Amino acid sequence: MRDESLTNPNRYSLLGVECDELTIPDVLKKFEYAIDTDQPNLIIGNHNLHSIYLFHREPRMQRFYDSCNVIYIDSMLLIVLGKLLGFPLQRKHRTAFLDWYKDFLSLAEAREWRIFYVGGRQESVRKGEEWFRGHYPKLSIRFHHGFFTSCQLPALYDEIREFRPHILLVGMGMPRQEDWILSALGNVRANAIMNGGAMIEYLMGDLIATPRWLGQLGLEWMFRLVMEPRRLARRYLIEPLCLLDLLARDLATAWNWRGAQAQARRFRNPGR
């Protein structure tokens, strides 16, 4: 059940999914509110074209987003589409995690939030522990790799409960991370839970992060495709084609609405 007090009032439907109009400060305030008011398991998700493709094909992704209290936009192409549909979305409403993780970690360190991160390979996690000790020495953060078996889950749940995190970050890639979050809800508690993607791999340099200015131009996908063509060719070249029917439907609805509005104006002002 979505807590309406935490839902952004400016929520829009794009390609059959819901997204919130949020800036980076807005997203950070969601974490602050969840922790300051001791909310249980507020779920923060994000949408880009890949997640939308999976949403329409994976029931577990639909269940995850139905459970989300906050859904920020992680795609400049969605911002452009929203503007075409008449929504007041701007460049600042594209809030990819790599654009705000430094603000997030600095805030967590200053506010003494405890963060538990689940995801990544064991080597990435080991390097991550060292990196965080050097860059955020006062931050209370614990890591657990994302390659575990079902029989190891009870021990992982115990470790999370013992740590009592304010924030649980899960970085296993879509849709595994979303599926795991749903399955963990009855076993762990945090004020905020967020899907983190490959955050630890990017921070450790195991994956090359896109220059952030390319993301604001809507070209992050192109950079990533050049860097990892085999892994990402389908995601960036094939999956968007499967969303064209949803795009056509949204555009037709917007144009019909605008046509109806124009006709209504002519009816009210026949002399113009």
Protein backbone atom coordinates (compact mmCIF):
# COMPACT_ATOMS: atom_id res chain seq x y z
CA MET A 1 0.00 0.00 0.00
CA ARG A 2 1.45 3.33 -1.06
CA ASP A 3 1.77 5.98 1.64
CA GLU A 4 0.12 8.98 0.04
CA SER A 5 1.97 11.42 2.32
CA LEU A 6 5.18 10.33 0.62
CA THR A 7 3.93 10.32 -2.95
CA ASN A 8 4.88 13.29 -5.10
CA PRO A 9 1.69 15.05 -6.24
CA ASN A 10 3.13 15.51 -9.74
CA ARG A 11 2.98 11.89 -10.91
CA TYR A 12 2.67 11.23 -14.63
CA SER A 13 1.91 8.25 -16.83
CA LEU A 14 4.54 7.59 -19.50
CA LEU A 15 4.55 4.49 -21.72
CA GLY A 16 2.17 2.72 -19.37
CA VAL A 17 4.13 3.37 -16.14
CA GLU A 18 4.06 6.04 -13.46
CA CYS A 19 6.89 8.48 -12.75
CA ASP A 20 7.29 11.33 -10.28
CA GLU A 21 8.44 14.84 -11.11
CA LEU A 22 11.42 15.08 -8.78
CA THR A 23 14.66 17.03 -8.67
CA ILE A 24 17.75 15.78 -6.86
CA PRO A 25 16.93 17.78 -3.69
CA ASP A 26 13.40 16.33 -3.82
CA VAL A 27 14.75 12.78 -3.87
CA LEU A 28 17.09 13.45 -0.95
CA LYS A 29 14.18 14.90 1.03
CA LYS A 30 12.34 11.58 0.60
CA PHE A 31 15.16 9.82 2.43
CA GLU A 32 15.19 12.48 5.14
CA TYR A 33 11.45 12.25 5.65
CA ALA A 34 11.47 8.44 5.80
CA ILE A 35 14.24 8.41 8.42
CA ASP A 36 13.09 11.40 10.46
CA THR A 37 9.56 9.96 10.76
CA ASP A 38 10.82 6.36 11.14
CA GLN A 39 8.90 5.06 8.15
CA PRO A 40 9.13 1.28 7.63
CA ASN A 41 10.44 0.06 4.27
CA LEU A 42 9.69 3.05 2.06
CA ILE A 43 10.62 1.88 -1.44
CA ILE A 44 12.32 4.24 -3.87
CA GLY A 45 12.51 3.09 -7.50
CA ASN A 46 13.48 4.60 -10.82
CA HIS A 47 12.36 4.31 -14.42
CA ASN A 48 14.25 4.30 -17.70
CA LEU A 49 13.45 2.59 -21.01
CA HIS A 50 14.95 -0.70 -19.85
CA SER A 51 12.85 -0.81 -16.69
CA ILE A 52 9.73 0.07 -18.68
CA TYR A 53 10.43 -2.74 -21.13
CA LEU A 54 10.80 -5.18 -18.24
CA PHE A 55 7.71 -3.76 -16.51
CA HIS A 56 5.52 -4.77 -19.45
CA ARG A 57 6.99 -8.28 -19.58
CA GLU A 58 7.77 -9.23 -15.99
CA PRO A 59 4.91 -9.50 -13.44
CA ARG A 60 7.49 -9.22 -10.64
CA MET A 61 8.54 -5.80 -11.97
CA GLN A 62 4.92 -4.70 -11.97
CA ARG A 63 4.60 -5.81 -8.35
CA PHE A 64 7.76 -3.92 -7.44
CA TYR A 65 6.60 -0.63 -8.94
CA ASP A 66 3.15 -1.09 -7.42
CA SER A 67 4.97 -1.19 -4.07
CA CYS A 68 7.11 1.89 -4.74
CA ASN A 69 6.34 5.05 -2.79
CA VAL A 70 8.68 7.14 -4.96
CA ILE A 71 9.64 6.64 -8.63
CA TYR A 72 12.22 9.07 -9.98
CA ILE A 73 13.07 9.48 -13.67
CA ASP A 74 16.42 8.07 -14.79
CA SER A 75 16.26 8.85 -18.52
CA MET A 76 16.51 12.02 -20.54
CA LEU A 77 14.43 10.36 -23.26
CA LEU A 78 11.55 10.06 -20.79
CA ILE A 79 11.88 13.77 -20.02
CA VAL A 80 11.64 14.55 -23.75
CA LEU A 81 8.62 12.28 -24.13
CA GLY A 82 6.95 13.89 -21.15
CA LYS A 83 7.39 17.32 -22.68
CA LEU A 84 5.88 16.05 -25.95
CA LEU A 85 2.87 14.86 -23.96
CA GLY A 86 2.48 18.28 -22.36
CA PHE A 87 3.91 17.51 -18.92
CA PRO A 88 6.02 20.27 -17.28
CA LEU A 89 9.12 18.10 -17.07
CA GLN A 90 12.54 19.75 -17.32
CA ARG A 91 16.14 18.63 -17.58
CA LYS A 92 16.49 18.92 -13.79
CA HIS A 93 13.89 16.17 -13.34
CA ARG A 94 16.25 13.59 -14.81
CA THR A 95 17.83 12.35 -11.59
CA ALA A 96 20.14 9.40 -12.28
CA PHE A 97 21.73 7.97 -9.11
CA LEU A 98 25.26 8.62 -10.39
CA ASP A 99 24.34 12.31 -10.58
CA TRP A 100 23.47 12.55 -6.89
CA TYR A 101 25.29 9.77 -5.07
CA LYS A 102 27.92 12.18 -3.70
CA ASP A 103 25.23 14.43 -2.21
CA PHE A 104 23.47 11.35 -0.87
CA LEU A 105 26.57 9.87 0.77
CA SER A 106 27.65 13.21 2.23
CA LEU A 107 24.18 13.71 3.69
CA ALA A 108 24.18 10.18 5.10
CA GLU A 109 27.57 10.75 6.69
CA ALA A 110 26.51 14.09 8.20
CA ARG A 111 23.19 12.71 9.49
CA GLU A 112 24.80 9.49 10.79
CA TRP A 113 22.57 7.23 8.71
CA ARG A 114 23.41 3.56 8.58
CA ILE A 115 23.52 2.10 5.05
CA PHE A 116 23.53 -1.59 4.15
CA TYR A 117 24.49 -2.39 0.56
CA VAL A 118 23.69 -5.77 -1.01
CA GLY A 119 25.13 -6.42 -4.46
CA GLY A 120 28.21 -6.73 -6.60
CA ARG A 121 30.96 -9.32 -6.72
CA GLN A 122 33.02 -10.18 -3.66
CA GLU A 123 36.08 -8.41 -5.09
CA SER A 124 34.08 -5.26 -5.83
CA VAL A 125 32.67 -5.31 -2.31
CA ARG A 126 36.14 -5.71 -0.81
CA LYS A 127 37.44 -2.74 -2.80
CA GLY A 128 34.28 -0.82 -1.94
CA GLU A 129 34.90 -1.16 1.77
CA GLU A 130 38.39 0.30 1.35
CA TRP A 131 37.12 3.09 -0.94
CA PHE A 132 34.44 4.18 1.49
CA ARG A 133 36.85 4.20 4.42
CA GLY A 134 39.01 6.61 2.45
CA HIS A 135 36.30 8.87 1.02
CA TYR A 136 33.61 8.76 3.73
CA PRO A 137 35.44 7.74 6.92
CA LYS A 138 32.58 8.66 9.24
CA LEU A 139 29.89 6.92 7.19
CA SER A 140 28.35 3.85 8.79
CA ILE A 141 28.02 1.43 5.87
CA ARG A 142 28.15 -2.35 5.58
CA PHE A 143 28.42 -4.47 2.43
CA HIS A 144 27.37 -7.92 1.36
CA HIS A 145 28.05 -9.32 -2.09
CA GLY A 146 25.13 -10.15 -4.36
CA PHE A 147 26.08 -13.73 -5.22
CA PHE A 148 24.44 -15.87 -2.59
CA THR A 149 22.26 -18.97 -2.57
CA SER A 150 18.79 -19.35 -1.11
CA CYS A 151 20.18 -21.33 1.82
CA GLN A 152 22.42 -18.35 2.69
CA LEU A 153 19.50 -15.92 2.84
CA PRO A 154 18.61 -16.42 6.52
CA ALA A 155 22.15 -15.45 7.55
CA LEU A 156 22.00 -12.37 5.30
CA TYR A 157 18.65 -11.34 6.78
CA ASP A 158 20.10 -11.77 10.27
CA GLU A 159 23.07 -9.57 9.37
CA ILE A 160 20.80 -6.84 8.02
CA ARG A 161 18.53 -6.95 11.07
CA GLU A 162 21.54 -6.83 13.41
CA PHE A 163 22.92 -3.76 11.61
CA ARG A 164 19.50 -1.97 11.75
CA PRO A 165 20.06 0.12 8.59
CA HIS A 166 18.28 3.34 7.90
CA ILE A 167 18.78 2.70 4.18
CA LEU A 168 19.03 -0.59 2.31
CA LEU A 169 20.61 -0.34 -1.15
CA VAL A 170 20.26 -3.34 -3.45
CA GLY A 171 22.47 -3.50 -6.55
CA MET A 172 21.98 -6.71 -8.49
CA GLY A 173 20.74 -5.46 -11.85
CA MET A 174 17.18 -5.53 -13.14
CA PRO A 175 14.96 -7.44 -12.51
CA ARG A 176 16.83 -9.51 -9.90
CA GLN A 177 17.28 -6.63 -7.46
CA GLU A 178 13.60 -5.67 -7.59
CA ASP A 179 12.56 -9.29 -7.09
CA TRP A 180 14.90 -9.61 -4.12
CA ILE A 181 13.58 -6.42 -2.52
CA LEU A 182 10.03 -7.76 -2.67
CA SER A 183 11.05 -11.10 -1.19
CA ALA A 184 13.04 -9.41 1.59
CA LEU A 185 10.30 -7.06 2.77
CA GLY A 186 8.90 -9.51 5.28
CA ASN A 187 12.33 -10.35 6.67
CA VAL A 188 14.16 -7.03 7.05
CA ARG A 189 13.39 -3.47 8.05
CA ALA A 190 14.89 -0.20 6.88
CA ASN A 191 13.43 3.27 6.64
CA ALA A 192 14.15 3.43 2.91
CA ILE A 193 14.96 0.71 0.38
CA MET A 194 16.30 1.55 -3.08
CA ASN A 195 17.43 -0.38 -6.14
CA GLY A 196 21.03 0.63 -6.78
CA GLY A 197 21.95 -1.07 -10.05
CA ALA A 198 25.70 -1.40 -10.60
CA MET A 199 26.62 1.41 -8.20
CA ILE A 200 29.53 -0.39 -6.55
CA GLU A 201 31.02 -1.46 -9.91
CA TYR A 202 30.93 2.13 -11.17
CA LEU A 203 32.45 3.57 -8.00
CA MET A 204 35.23 0.98 -8.04
CA GLY A 205 35.96 1.48 -11.74
CA ASP A 206 34.98 -2.07 -12.68
CA LEU A 207 32.55 -0.41 -15.10
CA ILE A 208 33.32 2.91 -16.79
CA ALA A 209 30.82 5.55 -15.76
CA THR A 210 29.41 7.79 -18.47
CA PRO A 211 30.54 11.44 -18.31
CA ARG A 212 27.63 13.06 -16.51
CA TRP A 213 27.18 15.83 -19.09
CA LEU A 214 26.33 13.18 -21.70
CA GLY A 215 23.46 12.02 -19.54
CA GLN A 216 21.98 15.50 -19.47
CA LEU A 217 22.10 15.52 -23.28
CA GLY A 218 20.33 12.17 -23.48
CA LEU A 219 23.43 10.42 -24.87
CA GLU A 220 24.42 8.20 -21.95
CA TRP A 221 22.99 5.16 -23.72
CA MET A 222 25.28 5.76 -26.71
CA PHE A 223 28.40 5.94 -24.55
CA ARG A 224 27.47 2.75 -22.69
CA LEU A 225 26.67 0.96 -25.95
CA VAL A 226 30.11 1.81 -27.34
CA MET A 227 31.78 0.59 -24.13
CA GLU A 228 29.77 -2.66 -23.83
CA PRO A 229 28.23 -3.45 -27.22
CA ARG A 230 27.65 -7.17 -26.67
CA ARG A 231 25.93 -6.81 -23.32
CA LEU A 232 23.90 -3.71 -24.10
CA ALA A 233 23.05 -3.95 -27.82
CA ARG A 234 19.68 -5.54 -27.17
CA ARG A 235 18.84 -3.12 -24.35
CA TYR A 236 19.51 0.00 -26.39
CA LEU A 237 18.73 -1.07 -29.96
CA ILE A 238 15.97 -3.68 -29.68
CA GLU A 239 14.03 -3.04 -26.48
CA PRO A 240 13.01 0.55 -27.37
CA LEU A 241 11.42 -0.74 -30.59
CA CYS A 242 9.11 -2.88 -28.47
CA LEU A 243 7.78 0.28 -26.82
CA LEU A 244 6.76 2.03 -30.03
CA ASP A 245 3.12 0.94 -29.70
CA LEU A 246 2.98 2.49 -26.23
CA LEU A 247 4.60 5.65 -27.57
CA ALA A 248 2.04 5.88 -30.39
CA ARG A 249 -0.79 5.42 -27.92
CA ASP A 250 0.50 8.15 -25.59
CA LEU A 251 1.04 10.60 -28.45
CA ALA A 252 -2.41 9.87 -29.92
CA THR A 253 -4.03 10.45 -26.52
CA ALA A 254 -2.18 13.74 -26.08
CA TRP A 255 -3.05 14.96 -29.57
CA ASN A 256 -6.71 13.99 -29.17
CA TRP A 257 -6.85 15.84 -25.86
CA ARG A 258 -5.27 18.92 -27.36
CA GLY A 259 -7.68 18.77 -30.27
CA ALA A 260 -10.63 18.55 -27.89
CA GLN A 261 -9.29 21.49 -25.90
CA ALA A 262 -8.88 23.58 -29.06
CA GLN A 263 -12.42 22.71 -30.19
CA ALA A 264 -13.79 23.69 -26.78
CA ARG A 265 -12.02 27.04 -26.99
CA ARG A 266 -13.49 27.69 -30.44
CA PHE A 267 -16.95 26.80 -29.13
CA ARG A 268 -16.57 29.27 -26.25
CA ASN A 269 -15.18 31.98 -28.54
CA PRO A 270 -16.89 31.46 -31.93
CA GLY A 271 -15.84 34.88 -33.24
CA ARG A 272 -12.14 34.16 -32.96
